[in-house]
Amino acid sequence: MGESSVLTLRLDSDLKRKLDKLSKATNRSRSFVAAQAIRDYVELNQWQIEETKKALIEADRGEFASEEDVRRTLKKWSRHAR
């Protein structure tokens, strides 16, 4: 992990209480838990944005699932849901 810097933010009191509770339960500092949450959020959203960009490029090339592919997938997942 590179150098760190300070970030100041405002949290509503309920969220701050939850953060404090999680911090105590995990025996980590509030700062550590908040930084980890932000790290996870950023990584997830970066992944989603990249996958969306890839999907748009495929769509622009006309690469779509066939109707049969969609039916097969829906059938597979509807069987698993029962």
Protein backbone atom coordinates (compact mmCIF):
# COMPACT_ATOMS: atom_id res chain seq x y z
CA MET A 1 0.00 0.00 0.00
CA GLY A 2 1.41 3.41 -0.96
CA GLU A 3 1.46 6.55 1.07
CA SER A 4 -1.77 7.56 2.74
CA SER A 5 -3.55 10.86 3.03
CA VAL A 6 -6.32 12.22 5.22
CA LEU A 7 -9.92 12.41 4.02
CA THR A 8 -12.58 14.19 6.03
CA LEU A 9 -16.22 13.29 5.49
CA ARG A 10 -19.57 13.68 7.17
CA LEU A 11 -21.68 10.71 8.25
CA ASP A 12 -25.14 10.76 9.70
CA SER A 13 -25.18 9.69 13.33
CA ASP A 14 -26.83 6.32 12.63
CA LEU A 15 -24.18 5.34 10.09
CA LYS A 16 -21.42 6.47 12.42
CA ARG A 17 -22.85 4.29 15.22
CA LYS A 18 -22.92 1.31 12.85
CA LEU A 19 -19.35 2.01 11.79
CA ASP A 20 -18.25 2.20 15.43
CA LYS A 21 -20.06 -1.04 16.23
CA LEU A 22 -18.43 -2.82 13.29
CA SER A 23 -15.06 -1.40 14.24
CA LYS A 24 -15.35 -2.76 17.78
CA ALA A 25 -16.67 -6.13 16.61
CA THR A 26 -13.75 -6.61 14.22
CA ASN A 27 -11.19 -5.13 16.59
CA ARG A 28 -10.15 -2.64 13.91
CA SER A 29 -9.98 1.13 13.96
CA ARG A 30 -12.88 3.14 12.58
CA SER A 31 -10.45 4.53 9.99
CA PHE A 32 -9.41 1.03 8.86
CA VAL A 33 -13.03 -0.14 8.48
CA ALA A 34 -14.05 3.02 6.59
CA ALA A 35 -11.02 2.83 4.29
CA GLN A 36 -11.72 -0.84 3.55
CA ALA A 37 -15.36 -0.05 2.77
CA ILE A 38 -14.33 2.72 0.39
CA ARG A 39 -11.71 0.46 -1.22
CA ASP A 40 -14.30 -2.28 -1.80
CA TYR A 41 -16.83 0.22 -3.16
CA VAL A 42 -14.32 1.73 -5.59
CA GLU A 43 -13.11 -1.68 -6.82
CA LEU A 44 -16.67 -2.92 -7.37
CA ASN A 45 -17.72 0.19 -9.25
CA GLN A 46 -14.57 0.21 -11.37
CA TRP A 47 -15.28 -3.42 -12.30
CA GLN A 48 -18.91 -2.63 -13.16
CA ILE A 49 -17.94 0.34 -15.31
CA GLU A 50 -15.31 -1.69 -17.20
CA GLU A 51 -17.73 -4.56 -17.81
CA THR A 52 -20.40 -2.13 -19.01
CA LYS A 53 -17.92 -0.55 -21.43
CA LYS A 54 -16.98 -4.00 -22.76
CA ALA A 55 -20.66 -4.91 -23.17
CA LEU A 56 -21.36 -1.69 -25.06
CA ILE A 57 -18.48 -2.39 -27.44
CA GLU A 58 -19.87 -5.90 -28.05
CA ALA A 59 -23.36 -4.47 -28.60
CA ASP A 60 -22.00 -1.91 -31.06
CA ARG A 61 -20.45 -4.83 -32.99
CA GLY A 62 -23.85 -6.53 -32.97
CA GLU A 63 -22.77 -9.32 -30.66
CA PHE A 64 -25.92 -10.36 -28.83
CA ALA A 65 -27.18 -13.61 -27.38
CA SER A 66 -29.51 -15.45 -29.70
CA GLU A 67 -33.11 -15.99 -28.72
CA GLU A 68 -32.32 -19.67 -28.19
CA ASP A 69 -29.36 -18.80 -25.91
CA VAL A 70 -31.65 -16.65 -23.78
CA ARG A 71 -34.33 -19.36 -23.58
CA ARG A 72 -31.76 -21.97 -22.59
CA THR A 73 -30.33 -19.74 -19.87
CA LEU A 74 -33.75 -18.82 -18.49
CA LYS A 75 -34.76 -22.47 -18.44
CA LYS A 76 -31.57 -23.41 -16.62
CA TRP A 77 -31.98 -20.70 -13.97
CA SER A 78 -35.72 -21.26 -13.50
CA ARG A 79 -35.00 -24.94 -12.76
CA HIS A 80 -32.42 -23.92 -10.12
CA ALA A 81 -34.88 -21.51 -8.49
CA ARG A 82 -37.39 -24.24 -7.64
